[in-house]
Amino acid sequence: MKHKLCFRTRALYIFKKNIMSTTHSIIPLGDRVLVKPTTPEKTKTQSGIIIPDTVDKEKPEHGKVIAVGEGKRNDDGVFIPLQVKKGDMVVFSKYGPDEVKIDGEEYYIIREDSLLAIIK
């Protein structure tokens, strides 16, 4: 005879199963964007100046857009879609992002207002 799990136990099991899974699907809400920060590869400028290691400890200010929200509504209720799309390289304000760790990797959730430019 099969035992049926009560609703609470089943919900807890499903919740734990989803938390323990290694693949997550994150969809930012509203006008937010999920960005994976990129670190600069150069340690020497074109003019020959060597950049010290302490610069790497600073927060990166650019990254690749991993996911985007739907957009936001203005004061009149008109829907405004985001200007950035998945895969864009963006420059953002150093103090604007919220840091999130997913599966051991660092990501930033940033409002579109905090994005400064798209790198093409």
Protein backbone atom coordinates (compact mmCIF):
# COMPACT_ATOMS: atom_id res chain seq x y z
CA MET A 1 0.00 0.00 0.00
CA LYS A 2 1.38 3.38 -1.03
CA HIS A 3 1.46 6.11 1.55
CA LYS A 4 0.37 9.51 0.43
CA LEU A 5 2.39 12.42 1.77
CA CYS A 6 0.43 15.15 3.43
CA PHE A 7 0.44 18.52 1.63
CA ARG A 8 2.92 20.13 4.04
CA THR A 9 5.43 17.27 3.84
CA ARG A 10 5.16 17.12 0.06
CA ALA A 11 5.63 20.90 -0.26
CA LEU A 12 8.70 20.74 2.00
CA TYR A 13 10.12 17.87 -0.08
CA ILE A 14 9.61 19.80 -3.33
CA PHE A 15 11.12 22.93 -1.75
CA LYS A 16 14.23 21.03 -0.57
CA LYS A 17 14.57 19.31 -3.94
CA ASN A 18 14.49 22.66 -5.75
CA ILE A 19 16.97 24.27 -3.34
CA MET A 20 19.39 21.36 -3.61
CA SER A 21 19.37 21.26 -7.40
CA THR A 22 22.46 22.67 -9.06
CA THR A 23 20.79 24.40 -11.96
CA HIS A 24 18.81 27.51 -11.17
CA SER A 25 16.68 29.63 -13.43
CA ILE A 26 16.72 33.23 -12.27
CA ILE A 27 14.39 35.77 -13.80
CA PRO A 28 14.89 39.35 -12.57
CA LEU A 29 11.75 41.27 -11.68
CA GLY A 30 10.67 44.59 -13.15
CA ASP A 31 13.49 46.70 -14.56
CA ARG A 32 16.26 44.61 -13.01
CA VAL A 33 19.06 42.84 -14.88
CA LEU A 34 21.19 39.82 -13.83
CA VAL A 35 24.85 40.50 -14.70
CA LYS A 36 27.87 38.24 -14.41
CA PRO A 37 30.84 40.50 -13.60
CA THR A 38 33.91 40.24 -15.78
CA THR A 39 37.41 41.01 -14.64
CA PRO A 40 39.85 42.87 -16.87
CA GLU A 41 42.50 40.60 -18.37
CA LYS A 42 45.15 43.28 -18.85
CA THR A 43 47.69 43.93 -16.13
CA LYS A 44 49.64 46.37 -18.28
CA THR A 45 48.32 49.43 -20.12
CA GLN A 46 49.21 50.34 -23.71
CA SER A 47 51.64 52.99 -22.45
CA GLY A 48 53.49 50.38 -20.36
CA ILE A 49 52.11 51.17 -16.90
CA ILE A 50 51.76 48.01 -14.80
CA ILE A 51 48.50 47.77 -12.89
CA PRO A 52 49.00 46.48 -9.30
CA ASP A 53 47.18 43.43 -7.91
CA THR A 54 45.21 45.59 -5.47
CA VAL A 55 43.13 46.95 -8.35
CA ASP A 56 41.69 43.45 -8.91
CA LYS A 57 40.24 43.49 -5.39
CA GLU A 58 37.92 46.34 -6.34
CA LYS A 59 34.42 45.54 -7.55
CA PRO A 60 34.29 45.17 -11.33
CA GLU A 61 32.30 47.83 -13.11
CA HIS A 62 31.35 45.88 -16.22
CA GLY A 63 29.89 42.51 -17.04
CA LYS A 64 27.73 40.35 -19.29
CA VAL A 65 23.94 40.39 -19.06
CA ILE A 66 22.69 36.89 -18.20
CA ALA A 67 18.95 37.61 -17.81
CA VAL A 68 16.62 40.61 -17.97
CA GLY A 69 13.29 41.47 -16.38
CA GLU A 70 10.16 42.38 -18.32
CA GLY A 71 10.45 46.13 -17.85
CA LYS A 72 8.54 48.68 -15.82
CA ARG A 73 5.52 50.95 -16.03
CA ASN A 74 5.76 54.72 -15.94
CA ASP A 75 3.46 57.05 -13.98
CA ASP A 76 0.80 56.91 -16.72
CA GLY A 77 0.76 53.09 -16.65
CA VAL A 78 2.51 52.69 -20.00
CA PHE A 79 4.79 49.64 -20.14
CA ILE A 80 8.45 50.48 -20.90
CA PRO A 81 10.62 47.51 -22.02
CA LEU A 82 14.31 47.34 -21.11
CA GLN A 83 16.94 48.62 -23.55
CA VAL A 84 19.44 45.86 -22.75
CA LYS A 85 19.11 42.24 -23.78
CA LYS A 86 20.67 38.95 -22.82
CA GLY A 87 24.31 38.72 -23.93
CA ASP A 88 25.03 42.49 -23.89
CA MET A 89 28.23 43.71 -22.25
CA VAL A 90 27.38 46.60 -19.91
CA VAL A 91 29.12 49.18 -17.75
CA PHE A 92 27.45 49.91 -14.42
CA SER A 93 27.84 52.07 -11.35
CA LYS A 94 30.31 50.63 -8.83
CA TYR A 95 27.92 50.98 -5.88
CA GLY A 96 24.65 50.19 -7.70
CA PRO A 97 24.50 46.37 -7.81
CA ASP A 98 23.21 43.87 -5.27
CA GLU A 99 25.58 40.90 -4.99
CA VAL A 100 24.16 37.38 -5.25
CA LYS A 101 25.98 34.02 -5.15
CA ILE A 102 24.46 31.21 -7.19
CA ASP A 103 26.11 27.78 -7.26
CA GLY A 104 29.33 29.37 -5.96
CA GLU A 105 29.49 32.00 -8.72
CA GLU A 106 29.03 35.72 -8.12
CA TYR A 107 26.35 37.67 -9.97
CA TYR A 108 24.92 41.17 -9.65
CA ILE A 109 21.28 42.20 -9.79
CA ILE A 110 21.14 45.76 -11.08
CA ARG A 111 18.34 48.18 -11.90
CA GLU A 112 18.43 49.45 -15.47
CA ASP A 113 18.82 52.98 -14.08
CA SER A 114 22.22 51.95 -12.62
CA LEU A 115 23.51 50.78 -16.01
CA LEU A 116 25.71 53.43 -17.58
CA ALA A 117 26.40 52.05 -21.07
CA ILE A 118 26.26 49.07 -23.42
CA ILE A 119 29.63 47.98 -24.85
CA LYS A 120 29.41 46.99 -28.53
